Amino acid sequence: PLGFAVGNALEVREAIETLRGNGPEDFLELCLTLGSQMLMAGGKAES
């Protein structure tokens, strides 16, 4: 499973914790990787 939480409200809590800087390592890595690609595609970042 991605992160630690499986289940609707539990996953929302984990997303909130991630935005607070306390998210699971694998989930944060995925958000940073996908987010980086989105920022580059949108012309906000060069690398």
PDB file of all heavy atoms in Angstrom:
ATOM      1  N   PRO A   1       0.818  -1.218   0.000  1.00  0.00           N
ATOM      2  CA  PRO A   1       0.000   0.000   0.000  1.00  0.00           C
ATOM      3  C   PRO A   1       0.853   1.270   0.000  1.00  0.00           C
ATOM      4  O   PRO A   1       1.957   1.289   0.552  1.00  0.00           O
ATOM      5  CB  PRO A   1      -0.810  -0.133   1.295  1.00  0.00           C
ATOM      6  CG  PRO A   1      -0.888  -1.610   1.533  1.00  0.00           C
ATOM      7  CD  PRO A   1       0.432  -2.154   1.077  1.00  0.00           C
ATOM      8  N   LEU A   2       0.324   2.310  -0.624  1.00  0.00           N
ATOM      9  CA  LEU A   2       1.001   3.603  -0.665  1.00  0.00           C
ATOM     10  C   LEU A   2       0.794   4.315   0.670  1.00  0.00           C
ATOM     11  O   LEU A   2      -0.338   4.507   1.110  1.00  0.00           O
ATOM     12  CB  LEU A   2       0.432   4.439  -1.810  1.00  0.00           C
ATOM     13  CG  LEU A   2       1.033   5.828  -2.019  1.00  0.00           C
ATOM     14  CD1 LEU A   2       2.517   5.756  -2.332  1.00  0.00           C
ATOM     15  CD2 LEU A   2       0.298   6.554  -3.150  1.00  0.00           C
ATOM     16  N   GLY A   3       1.891   4.703   1.321  1.00  0.00           N
ATOM     17  CA  GLY A   3       1.779   5.304   2.642  1.00  0.00           C
ATOM     18  C   GLY A   3       1.406   4.254   3.677  1.00  0.00           C
ATOM     19  O   GLY A   3       1.691   3.062   3.533  1.00  0.00           O
ATOM     20  N   PHE A   4       0.712   4.686   4.733  1.00  0.00           N
ATOM     21  CA  PHE A   4       0.284   3.771   5.805  1.00  0.00           C
ATOM     22  C   PHE A   4      -1.233   3.585   5.843  1.00  0.00           C
ATOM     23  O   PHE A   4      -1.707   2.550   6.270  1.00  0.00           O
ATOM     24  CB  PHE A   4       0.761   4.297   7.168  1.00  0.00           C
ATOM     25  CG  PHE A   4       2.260   4.297   7.340  1.00  0.00           C
ATOM     26  CD1 PHE A   4       2.989   5.461   7.217  1.00  0.00           C
ATOM     27  CD2 PHE A   4       2.937   3.123   7.598  1.00  0.00           C
ATOM     28  CE1 PHE A   4       4.370   5.467   7.360  1.00  0.00           C
ATOM     29  CE2 PHE A   4       4.325   3.110   7.742  1.00  0.00           C
ATOM     30  CZ  PHE A   4       5.037   4.290   7.621  1.00  0.00           C
ATOM     31  N   ALA A   5      -1.984   4.594   5.413  1.00  0.00           N
ATOM     32  CA  ALA A   5      -3.436   4.592   5.567  1.00  0.00           C
ATOM     33  C   ALA A   5      -4.155   4.006   4.355  1.00  0.00           C
ATOM     34  O   ALA A   5      -3.820   4.351   3.213  1.00  0.00           O
ATOM     35  CB  ALA A   5      -3.938   6.003   5.826  1.00  0.00           C
ATOM     36  N   VAL A   6      -5.137   3.147   4.605  1.00  0.00           N
ATOM     37  CA  VAL A   6      -6.005   2.589   3.573  1.00  0.00           C
ATOM     38  C   VAL A   6      -7.446   2.748   4.065  1.00  0.00           C
ATOM     39  O   VAL A   6      -7.828   2.176   5.085  1.00  0.00           O
ATOM     40  CB  VAL A   6      -5.706   1.100   3.300  1.00  0.00           C
ATOM     41  CG1 VAL A   6      -6.635   0.558   2.225  1.00  0.00           C
ATOM     42  CG2 VAL A   6      -4.246   0.900   2.895  1.00  0.00           C
ATOM     43  N   GLY A   7      -8.237   3.543   3.363  1.00  0.00           N
ATOM     44  CA  GLY A   7      -9.596   3.848   3.824  1.00  0.00           C
ATOM     45  C   GLY A   7      -9.821   5.338   3.693  1.00  0.00           C
ATOM     46  O   GLY A   7      -8.897   6.137   3.883  1.00  0.00           O
ATOM     47  N   ASN A   8     -10.998   5.771   3.420  1.00  0.00           N
ATOM     48  CA  ASN A   8     -11.268   7.117   2.936  1.00  0.00           C
ATOM     49  C   ASN A   8     -10.836   8.243   3.877  1.00  0.00           C
ATOM     50  O   ASN A   8      -9.921   9.014   3.579  1.00  0.00           O
ATOM     51  CB  ASN A   8     -12.746   7.224   2.574  1.00  0.00           C
ATOM     52  CG  ASN A   8     -13.109   6.272   1.449  1.00  0.00           C
ATOM     53  OD1 ASN A   8     -12.898   6.561   0.291  1.00  0.00           O
ATOM     54  ND2 ASN A   8     -13.638   5.102   1.769  1.00  0.00           N
ATOM     55  N   ALA A   9     -11.465   8.374   5.044  1.00  0.00           N
ATOM     56  CA  ALA A   9     -11.109   9.452   5.970  1.00  0.00           C
ATOM     57  C   ALA A   9      -9.683   9.280   6.502  1.00  0.00           C
ATOM     58  O   ALA A   9      -8.976  10.261   6.750  1.00  0.00           O
ATOM     59  CB  ALA A   9     -12.105   9.514   7.130  1.00  0.00           C
ATOM     60  N   LEU A  10      -9.247   8.028   6.666  1.00  0.00           N
ATOM     61  CA  LEU A  10      -7.881   7.754   7.122  1.00  0.00           C
ATOM     62  C   LEU A  10      -6.859   8.265   6.105  1.00  0.00           C
ATOM     63  O   LEU A  10      -5.818   8.815   6.475  1.00  0.00           O
ATOM     64  CB  LEU A  10      -7.687   6.248   7.360  1.00  0.00           C
ATOM     65  CG  LEU A  10      -8.542   5.634   8.476  1.00  0.00           C
ATOM     66  CD1 LEU A  10      -8.465   4.107   8.424  1.00  0.00           C
ATOM     67  CD2 LEU A  10      -8.099   6.141   9.851  1.00  0.00           C
ATOM     68  N   GLU A  11      -7.171   8.101   4.823  1.00  0.00           N
ATOM     69  CA  GLU A  11      -6.272   8.589   3.774  1.00  0.00           C
ATOM     70  C   GLU A  11      -6.265  10.112   3.712  1.00  0.00           C
ATOM     71  O   GLU A  11      -5.233  10.734   3.447  1.00  0.00           O
ATOM     72  CB  GLU A  11      -6.660   7.982   2.427  1.00  0.00           C
ATOM     73  CG  GLU A  11      -6.398   6.481   2.349  1.00  0.00           C
ATOM     74  CD  GLU A  11      -6.713   5.871   0.995  1.00  0.00           C
ATOM     75  OE1 GLU A  11      -6.464   6.543  -0.027  1.00  0.00           O
ATOM     76  OE2 GLU A  11      -7.220   4.733   0.954  1.00  0.00           O
ATOM     77  N   VAL A  12      -7.410  10.717   3.974  1.00  0.00           N
ATOM     78  CA  VAL A  12      -7.475  12.185   4.028  1.00  0.00           C
ATOM     79  C   VAL A  12      -6.566  12.698   5.145  1.00  0.00           C
ATOM     80  O   VAL A  12      -5.806  13.648   4.971  1.00  0.00           O
ATOM     81  CB  VAL A  12      -8.929  12.676   4.228  1.00  0.00           C
ATOM     82  CG1 VAL A  12      -8.961  14.181   4.491  1.00  0.00           C
ATOM     83  CG2 VAL A  12      -9.787  12.335   3.011  1.00  0.00           C
ATOM     84  N   ARG A  13      -6.638  12.053   6.304  1.00  0.00           N
ATOM     85  CA  ARG A  13      -5.764  12.421   7.438  1.00  0.00           C
ATOM     86  C   ARG A  13      -4.287  12.333   7.042  1.00  0.00           C
ATOM     87  O   ARG A  13      -3.486  13.212   7.393  1.00  0.00           O
ATOM     88  CB  ARG A  13      -6.020  11.505   8.634  1.00  0.00           C
ATOM     89  CG  ARG A  13      -7.252  11.852   9.442  1.00  0.00           C
ATOM     90  CD  ARG A  13      -7.357  10.937  10.639  1.00  0.00           C
ATOM     91  NE  ARG A  13      -8.360  11.374  11.553  1.00  0.00           N
ATOM     92  CZ  ARG A  13      -8.182  11.642  12.864  1.00  0.00           C
ATOM     93  NH1 ARG A  13      -7.038  11.494  13.394  1.00  0.00           N
ATOM     94  NH2 ARG A  13      -9.163  12.042  13.629  1.00  0.00           N
ATOM     95  N   GLU A  14      -3.937  11.274   6.332  1.00  0.00           N
ATOM     96  CA  GLU A  14      -2.537  11.084   5.941  1.00  0.00           C
ATOM     97  C   GLU A  14      -2.105  12.158   4.943  1.00  0.00           C
ATOM     98  O   GLU A  14      -0.971  12.640   5.007  1.00  0.00           O
ATOM     99  CB  GLU A  14      -2.342   9.687   5.349  1.00  0.00           C
ATOM    100  CG  GLU A  14      -0.886   9.331   5.117  1.00  0.00           C
ATOM    101  CD  GLU A  14      -0.650   7.844   5.009  1.00  0.00           C
ATOM    102  OE1 GLU A  14      -0.841   7.295   3.896  1.00  0.00           O
ATOM    103  OE2 GLU A  14      -0.295   7.210   6.021  1.00  0.00           O
ATOM    104  N   ALA A  15      -2.990  12.530   4.041  1.00  0.00           N
ATOM    105  CA  ALA A  15      -2.686  13.611   3.088  1.00  0.00           C
ATOM    106  C   ALA A  15      -2.456  14.917   3.841  1.00  0.00           C
ATOM    107  O   ALA A  15      -1.526  15.679   3.527  1.00  0.00           O
ATOM    108  CB  ALA A  15      -3.821  13.759   2.075  1.00  0.00           C
ATOM    109  N   ILE A  16      -3.288  15.182   4.857  1.00  0.00           N
ATOM    110  CA  ILE A  16      -3.132  16.389   5.679  1.00  0.00           C
ATOM    111  C   ILE A  16      -1.781  16.360   6.402  1.00  0.00           C
ATOM    112  O   ILE A  16      -1.058  17.362   6.427  1.00  0.00           O
ATOM    113  CB  ILE A  16      -4.307  16.522   6.684  1.00  0.00           C
ATOM    114  CG1 ILE A  16      -5.609  16.850   5.942  1.00  0.00           C
ATOM    115  CG2 ILE A  16      -4.004  17.585   7.739  1.00  0.00           C
ATOM    116  CD1 ILE A  16      -6.864  16.735   6.808  1.00  0.00           C
ATOM    117  N   GLU A  17      -1.438  15.210   6.992  1.00  0.00           N
ATOM    118  CA  GLU A  17      -0.146  15.078   7.688  1.00  0.00           C
ATOM    119  C   GLU A  17       1.019  15.317   6.728  1.00  0.00           C
ATOM    120  O   GLU A  17       2.039  15.904   7.102  1.00  0.00           O
ATOM    121  CB  GLU A  17      -0.021  13.687   8.330  1.00  0.00           C
ATOM    122  CG  GLU A  17      -0.816  13.541   9.623  1.00  0.00           C
ATOM    123  CD  GLU A  17      -0.428  14.594  10.665  1.00  0.00           C
ATOM    124  OE1 GLU A  17       0.764  14.753  10.973  1.00  0.00           O
ATOM    125  OE2 GLU A  17      -1.346  15.303  11.137  1.00  0.00           O
ATOM    126  N   THR A  18       0.866  14.870   5.495  1.00  0.00           N
ATOM    127  CA  THR A  18       1.912  15.068   4.483  1.00  0.00           C
ATOM    128  C   THR A  18       2.083  16.551   4.179  1.00  0.00           C
ATOM    129  O   THR A  18       3.209  17.053   4.059  1.00  0.00           O
ATOM    130  CB  THR A  18       1.567  14.266   3.204  1.00  0.00           C
ATOM    131  OG1 THR A  18       1.442  12.881   3.555  1.00  0.00           O
ATOM    132  CG2 THR A  18       2.639  14.423   2.130  1.00  0.00           C
ATOM    133  N   LEU A  19       0.975  17.271   4.074  1.00  0.00           N
ATOM    134  CA  LEU A  19       1.036  18.717   3.828  1.00  0.00           C
ATOM    135  C   LEU A  19       1.563  19.470   5.048  1.00  0.00           C
ATOM    136  O   LEU A  19       2.001  20.604   4.933  1.00  0.00           O
ATOM    137  CB  LEU A  19      -0.347  19.242   3.424  1.00  0.00           C
ATOM    138  CG  LEU A  19      -0.879  18.723   2.073  1.00  0.00           C
ATOM    139  CD1 LEU A  19      -2.298  19.233   1.805  1.00  0.00           C
ATOM    140  CD2 LEU A  19       0.043  19.118   0.926  1.00  0.00           C
ATOM    141  N   ARG A  20       1.520  18.837   6.209  1.00  0.00           N
ATOM    142  CA  ARG A  20       2.125  19.417   7.417  1.00  0.00           C
ATOM    143  C   ARG A  20       3.606  19.081   7.529  1.00  0.00           C
ATOM    144  O   ARG A  20       4.280  19.504   8.470  1.00  0.00           O
ATOM    145  CB  ARG A  20       1.404  18.878   8.665  1.00  0.00           C
ATOM    146  CG  ARG A  20       0.035  19.484   8.909  1.00  0.00           C
ATOM    147  CD  ARG A  20      -0.613  18.820  10.112  1.00  0.00           C
ATOM    148  NE  ARG A  20      -1.800  19.540  10.558  1.00  0.00           N
ATOM    149  CZ  ARG A  20      -2.650  19.075  11.446  1.00  0.00           C
ATOM    150  NH1 ARG A  20      -2.472  17.872  11.963  1.00  0.00           N
ATOM    151  NH2 ARG A  20      -3.703  19.788  11.794  1.00  0.00           N
ATOM    152  N   GLY A  21       4.108  18.273   6.608  1.00  0.00           N
ATOM    153  CA  GLY A  21       5.519  17.901   6.632  1.00  0.00           C
ATOM    154  C   GLY A  21       5.811  16.616   7.368  1.00  0.00           C
ATOM    155  O   GLY A  21       6.980  16.291   7.629  1.00  0.00           O
ATOM    156  N   ASN A  22       4.747  15.840   7.701  1.00  0.00           N
ATOM    157  CA  ASN A  22       4.932  14.608   8.481  1.00  0.00           C
ATOM    158  C   ASN A  22       4.438  13.370   7.743  1.00  0.00           C
ATOM    159  O   ASN A  22       4.026  12.393   8.364  1.00  0.00           O
ATOM    160  CB  ASN A  22       4.177  14.721   9.817  1.00  0.00           C
ATOM    161  CG  ASN A  22       4.572  15.944  10.609  1.00  0.00           C
ATOM    162  OD1 ASN A  22       5.758  16.253  10.717  1.00  0.00           O
ATOM    163  ND2 ASN A  22       3.600  16.673  11.149  1.00  0.00           N
ATOM    164  N   GLY A  23       4.471  13.408   6.417  1.00  0.00           N
ATOM    165  CA  GLY A  23       3.908  12.307   5.640  1.00  0.00           C
ATOM    166  C   GLY A  23       4.852  11.118   5.507  1.00  0.00           C
ATOM    167  O   GLY A  23       6.059  11.227   5.747  1.00  0.00           O
ATOM    168  N   PRO A  24       4.319   9.967   5.121  1.00  0.00           N
ATOM    169  CA  PRO A  24       5.163   8.785   4.886  1.00  0.00           C
ATOM    170  C   PRO A  24       6.163   9.036   3.760  1.00  0.00           C
ATOM    171  O   PRO A  24       5.873   9.767   2.806  1.00  0.00           O
ATOM    172  CB  PRO A  24       4.155   7.707   4.468  1.00  0.00           C
ATOM    173  CG  PRO A  24       2.814   8.224   4.872  1.00  0.00           C
ATOM    174  CD  PRO A  24       2.899   9.708   4.841  1.00  0.00           C
ATOM    175  N   GLU A  25       7.301   8.411   3.862  1.00  0.00           N
ATOM    176  CA  GLU A  25       8.405   8.624   2.928  1.00  0.00           C
ATOM    177  C   GLU A  25       8.013   8.316   1.480  1.00  0.00           C
ATOM    178  O   GLU A  25       8.286   9.101   0.565  1.00  0.00           O
ATOM    179  CB  GLU A  25       9.571   7.732   3.350  1.00  0.00           C
ATOM    180  CG  GLU A  25      10.883   8.018   2.678  1.00  0.00           C
ATOM    181  CD  GLU A  25      11.977   7.074   3.182  1.00  0.00           C
ATOM    182  OE1 GLU A  25      12.111   6.896   4.413  1.00  0.00           O
ATOM    183  OE2 GLU A  25      12.674   6.510   2.336  1.00  0.00           O
ATOM    184  N   ASP A  26       7.358   7.152   1.250  1.00  0.00           N
ATOM    185  CA  ASP A  26       7.027   6.771  -0.133  1.00  0.00           C
ATOM    186  C   ASP A  26       5.971   7.703  -0.726  1.00  0.00           C
ATOM    187  O   ASP A  26       6.062   8.106  -1.892  1.00  0.00           O
ATOM    188  CB  ASP A  26       6.575   5.298  -0.218  1.00  0.00           C
ATOM    189  CG  ASP A  26       5.376   4.957   0.661  1.00  0.00           C
ATOM    190  OD1 ASP A  26       5.007   5.766   1.542  1.00  0.00           O
ATOM    191  OD2 ASP A  26       4.781   3.858   0.471  1.00  0.00           O
ATOM    192  N   PHE A  27       4.989   8.090   0.077  1.00  0.00           N
ATOM    193  CA  PHE A  27       3.930   8.970  -0.407  1.00  0.00           C
ATOM    194  C   PHE A  27       4.477  10.352  -0.749  1.00  0.00           C
ATOM    195  O   PHE A  27       4.151  10.924  -1.786  1.00  0.00           O
ATOM    196  CB  PHE A  27       2.815   9.071   0.640  1.00  0.00           C
ATOM    197  CG  PHE A  27       1.650   9.917   0.199  1.00  0.00           C
ATOM    198  CD1 PHE A  27       1.017   9.672  -1.005  1.00  0.00           C
ATOM    199  CD2 PHE A  27       1.193  10.958   0.987  1.00  0.00           C
ATOM    200  CE1 PHE A  27      -0.057  10.458  -1.418  1.00  0.00           C
ATOM    201  CE2 PHE A  27       0.128  11.734   0.587  1.00  0.00           C
ATOM    202  CZ  PHE A  27      -0.498  11.494  -0.616  1.00  0.00           C
ATOM    203  N   LEU A  28       5.349  10.870   0.104  1.00  0.00           N
ATOM    204  CA  LEU A  28       5.965  12.171  -0.168  1.00  0.00           C
ATOM    205  C   LEU A  28       6.803  12.109  -1.440  1.00  0.00           C
ATOM    206  O   LEU A  28       6.750  13.017  -2.284  1.00  0.00           O
ATOM    207  CB  LEU A  28       6.828  12.615   1.013  1.00  0.00           C
ATOM    208  CG  LEU A  28       7.562  13.964   0.826  1.00  0.00           C
ATOM    209  CD1 LEU A  28       6.576  15.117   0.636  1.00  0.00           C
ATOM    210  CD2 LEU A  28       8.496  14.242   2.002  1.00  0.00           C
ATOM    211  N   GLU A  29       7.571  11.024  -1.611  1.00  0.00           N
ATOM    212  CA  GLU A  29       8.406  10.868  -2.807  1.00  0.00           C
ATOM    213  C   GLU A  29       7.546  10.900  -4.078  1.00  0.00           C
ATOM    214  O   GLU A  29       7.910  11.539  -5.069  1.00  0.00           O
ATOM    215  CB  GLU A  29       9.202   9.563  -2.739  1.00  0.00           C
ATOM    216  CG  GLU A  29      10.171   9.394  -3.924  1.00  0.00           C
ATOM    217  CD  GLU A  29      10.967   8.097  -3.899  1.00  0.00           C
ATOM    218  OE1 GLU A  29      10.849   7.312  -2.930  1.00  0.00           O
ATOM    219  OE2 GLU A  29      11.725   7.842  -4.885  1.00  0.00           O
ATOM    220  N   LEU A  30       6.403  10.210  -4.035  1.00  0.00           N
ATOM    221  CA  LEU A  30       5.527  10.186  -5.199  1.00  0.00           C
ATOM    222  C   LEU A  30       4.967  11.578  -5.492  1.00  0.00           C
ATOM    223  O   LEU A  30       4.963  12.029  -6.644  1.00  0.00           O
ATOM    224  CB  LEU A  30       4.374   9.194  -4.980  1.00  0.00           C
ATOM    225  CG  LEU A  30       3.424   9.029  -6.173  1.00  0.00           C
ATOM    226  CD1 LEU A  30       4.146   8.473  -7.398  1.00  0.00           C
ATOM    227  CD2 LEU A  30       2.246   8.124  -5.809  1.00  0.00           C
ATOM    228  N   CYS A  31       4.502  12.278  -4.454  1.00  0.00           N
ATOM    229  CA  CYS A  31       3.959  13.624  -4.634  1.00  0.00           C
ATOM    230  C   CYS A  31       5.012  14.578  -5.197  1.00  0.00           C
ATOM    231  O   CYS A  31       4.721  15.390  -6.077  1.00  0.00           O
ATOM    232  CB  CYS A  31       3.412  14.166  -3.309  1.00  0.00           C
ATOM    233  SG  CYS A  31       1.889  13.368  -2.766  1.00  0.00           S
ATOM    234  N   LEU A  32       6.235  14.477  -4.698  1.00  0.00           N
ATOM    235  CA  LEU A  32       7.310  15.346  -5.181  1.00  0.00           C
ATOM    236  C   LEU A  32       7.677  15.014  -6.628  1.00  0.00           C
ATOM    237  O   LEU A  32       7.926  15.915  -7.438  1.00  0.00           O
ATOM    238  CB  LEU A  32       8.549  15.215  -4.284  1.00  0.00           C
ATOM    239  CG  LEU A  32       8.405  15.782  -2.855  1.00  0.00           C
ATOM    240  CD1 LEU A  32       9.635  15.425  -2.021  1.00  0.00           C
ATOM    241  CD2 LEU A  32       8.206  17.303  -2.875  1.00  0.00           C
ATOM    242  N   THR A  33       7.704  13.725  -6.975  1.00  0.00           N
ATOM    243  CA  THR A  33       8.058  13.317  -8.346  1.00  0.00           C
ATOM    244  C   THR A  33       6.989  13.761  -9.340  1.00  0.00           C
ATOM    245  O   THR A  33       7.291  14.379 -10.372  1.00  0.00           O
ATOM    246  CB  THR A  33       8.250  11.787  -8.418  1.00  0.00           C
ATOM    247  OG1 THR A  33       9.236  11.384  -7.467  1.00  0.00           O
ATOM    248  CG2 THR A  33       8.685  11.361  -9.819  1.00  0.00           C
ATOM    249  N   LEU A  34       5.721  13.448  -9.044  1.00  0.00           N
ATOM    250  CA  LEU A  34       4.629  13.831  -9.944  1.00  0.00           C
ATOM    251  C   LEU A  34       4.490  15.357  -9.997  1.00  0.00           C
ATOM    252  O   LEU A  34       4.305  15.940 -11.058  1.00  0.00           O
ATOM    253  CB  LEU A  34       3.306  13.210  -9.474  1.00  0.00           C
ATOM    254  CG  LEU A  34       3.203  11.680  -9.564  1.00  0.00           C
ATOM    255  CD1 LEU A  34       1.943  11.193  -8.850  1.00  0.00           C
ATOM    256  CD2 LEU A  34       3.190  11.207 -11.013  1.00  0.00           C
ATOM    257  N   GLY A  35       4.593  15.985  -8.813  1.00  0.00           N
ATOM    258  CA  GLY A  35       4.476  17.445  -8.746  1.00  0.00           C
ATOM    259  C   GLY A  35       5.564  18.143  -9.550  1.00  0.00           C
ATOM    260  O   GLY A  35       5.305  19.141 -10.235  1.00  0.00           O
ATOM    261  N   SER A  36       6.785  17.603  -9.490  1.00  0.00           N
ATOM    262  CA  SER A  36       7.894  18.190 -10.263  1.00  0.00           C
ATOM    263  C   SER A  36       7.609  18.138 -11.758  1.00  0.00           C
ATOM    264  O   SER A  36       7.843  19.101 -12.490  1.00  0.00           O
ATOM    265  CB  SER A  36       9.207  17.458  -9.954  1.00  0.00           C
ATOM    266  OG  SER A  36       9.577  17.629  -8.610  1.00  0.00           O
ATOM    267  N   GLN A  37       7.089  16.999 -12.206  1.00  0.00           N
ATOM    268  CA  GLN A  37       6.752  16.851 -13.625  1.00  0.00           C
ATOM    269  C   GLN A  37       5.629  17.815 -14.019  1.00  0.00           C
ATOM    270  O   GLN A  37       5.629  18.377 -15.119  1.00  0.00           O
ATOM    271  CB  GLN A  37       6.343  15.407 -13.937  1.00  0.00           C
ATOM    272  CG  GLN A  37       7.441  14.372 -13.726  1.00  0.00           C
ATOM    273  CD  GLN A  37       8.698  14.654 -14.541  1.00  0.00           C
ATOM    274  OE1 GLN A  37       8.623  15.097 -15.690  1.00  0.00           O
ATOM    275  NE2 GLN A  37       9.858  14.400 -13.954  1.00  0.00           N
ATOM    276  N   MET A  38       4.669  18.035 -13.114  1.00  0.00           N
ATOM    277  CA  MET A  38       3.563  18.963 -13.387  1.00  0.00           C
ATOM    278  C   MET A  38       4.065  20.402 -13.467  1.00  0.00           C
ATOM    279  O   MET A  38       3.646  21.165 -14.336  1.00  0.00           O
ATOM    280  CB  MET A  38       2.478  18.822 -12.308  1.00  0.00           C
ATOM    281  CG  MET A  38       1.736  17.498 -12.387  1.00  0.00           C
ATOM    282  SD  MET A  38       0.571  17.221 -11.015  1.00  0.00           S
ATOM    283  CE  MET A  38      -0.830  18.233 -11.563  1.00  0.00           C
ATOM    284  N   LEU A  39       4.970  20.779 -12.575  1.00  0.00           N
ATOM    285  CA  LEU A  39       5.519  22.140 -12.590  1.00  0.00           C
ATOM    286  C   LEU A  39       6.349  22.387 -13.845  1.00  0.00           C
ATOM    287  O   LEU A  39       6.292  23.465 -14.432  1.00  0.00           O
ATOM    288  CB  LEU A  39       6.367  22.399 -11.341  1.00  0.00           C
ATOM    289  CG  LEU A  39       5.652  22.459  -9.986  1.00  0.00           C
ATOM    290  CD1 LEU A  39       6.594  22.974  -8.901  1.00  0.00           C
ATOM    291  CD2 LEU A  39       4.425  23.346 -10.022  1.00  0.00           C
ATOM    292  N   MET A  40       7.108  21.383 -14.256  1.00  0.00           N
ATOM    293  CA  MET A  40       7.896  21.542 -15.485  1.00  0.00           C
ATOM    294  C   MET A  40       6.991  21.619 -16.716  1.00  0.00           C
ATOM    295  O   MET A  40       7.201  22.437 -17.609  1.00  0.00           O
ATOM    296  CB  MET A  40       8.913  20.401 -15.610  1.00  0.00           C
ATOM    297  CG  MET A  40      10.062  20.498 -14.619  1.00  0.00           C
ATOM    298  SD  MET A  40      11.435  19.336 -14.983  1.00  0.00           S
ATOM    299  CE  MET A  40      10.692  17.776 -14.590  1.00  0.00           C
ATOM    300  N   ALA A  41       5.964  20.768 -16.749  1.00  0.00           N
ATOM    301  CA  ALA A  41       5.016  20.783 -17.873  1.00  0.00           C
ATOM    302  C   ALA A  41       4.272  22.116 -17.953  1.00  0.00           C
ATOM    303  O   ALA A  41       3.927  22.584 -19.040  1.00  0.00           O
ATOM    304  CB  ALA A  41       4.012  19.643 -17.736  1.00  0.00           C
ATOM    305  N   GLY A  42       4.049  22.728 -16.783  1.00  0.00           N
ATOM    306  CA  GLY A  42       3.338  24.007 -16.735  1.00  0.00           C
ATOM    307  C   GLY A  42       4.236  25.225 -16.890  1.00  0.00           C
ATOM    308  O   GLY A  42       3.764  26.361 -16.813  1.00  0.00           O
ATOM    309  N   GLY A  43       5.553  24.971 -17.091  1.00  0.00           N
ATOM    310  CA  GLY A  43       6.485  26.068 -17.324  1.00  0.00           C
ATOM    311  C   GLY A  43       6.890  26.839 -16.079  1.00  0.00           C
ATOM    312  O   GLY A  43       7.425  27.942 -16.166  1.00  0.00           O
ATOM    313  N   LYS A  44       6.653  26.254 -14.874  1.00  0.00           N
ATOM    314  CA  LYS A  44       7.009  26.927 -13.622  1.00  0.00           C
ATOM    315  C   LYS A  44       8.425  26.615 -13.164  1.00  0.00           C
ATOM    316  O   LYS A  44       8.967  27.292 -12.292  1.00  0.00           O
ATOM    317  CB  LYS A  44       6.025  26.540 -12.507  1.00  0.00           C
ATOM    318  CG  LYS A  44       4.662  27.171 -12.635  1.00  0.00           C
ATOM    319  CD  LYS A  44       4.670  28.656 -12.294  1.00  0.00           C
ATOM    320  CE  LYS A  44       3.325  29.307 -12.466  1.00  0.00           C
ATOM    321  NZ  LYS A  44       3.339  30.758 -12.177  1.00  0.00           N
ATOM    322  N   ALA A  45       8.993  25.555 -13.695  1.00  0.00           N
ATOM    323  CA  ALA A  45      10.347  25.163 -13.290  1.00  0.00           C
ATOM    324  C   ALA A  45      11.093  24.601 -14.493  1.00  0.00           C
ATOM    325  O   ALA A  45      10.493  23.981 -15.372  1.00  0.00           O
ATOM    326  CB  ALA A  45      10.294  24.120 -12.174  1.00  0.00           C
ATOM    327  N   GLU A  46      12.406  24.813 -14.505  1.00  0.00           N
ATOM    328  CA  GLU A  46      13.245  24.331 -15.609  1.00  0.00           C
ATOM    329  C   GLU A  46      13.735  22.905 -15.376  1.00  0.00           C
ATOM    330  O   GLU A  46      14.014  22.179 -16.319  1.00  0.00           O
ATOM    331  CB  GLU A  46      14.470  25.257 -15.773  1.00  0.00           C
ATOM    332  CG  GLU A  46      14.126  26.675 -16.261  1.00  0.00           C
ATOM    333  CD  GLU A  46      13.601  26.687 -17.688  1.00  0.00           C
ATOM    334  OE1 GLU A  46      14.151  25.938 -18.521  1.00  0.00           O
ATOM    335  OE2 GLU A  46      12.625  27.408 -17.955  1.00  0.00           O
ATOM    336  N   SER A  47      13.879  22.531 -14.115  1.00  0.00           N
ATOM    337  CA  SER A  47      14.425  21.208 -13.800  1.00  0.00           C
ATOM    338  C   SER A  47      13.625  20.569 -12.671  1.00  0.00           C
ATOM    339  O   SER A  47      12.915  21.257 -11.921  1.00  0.00           O
ATOM    340  CB  SER A  47      15.891  21.332 -13.364  1.00  0.00           C
ATOM    341  OG  SER A  47      15.965  22.023 -12.100  1.00  0.00           O
TER     342      SER A  47
END
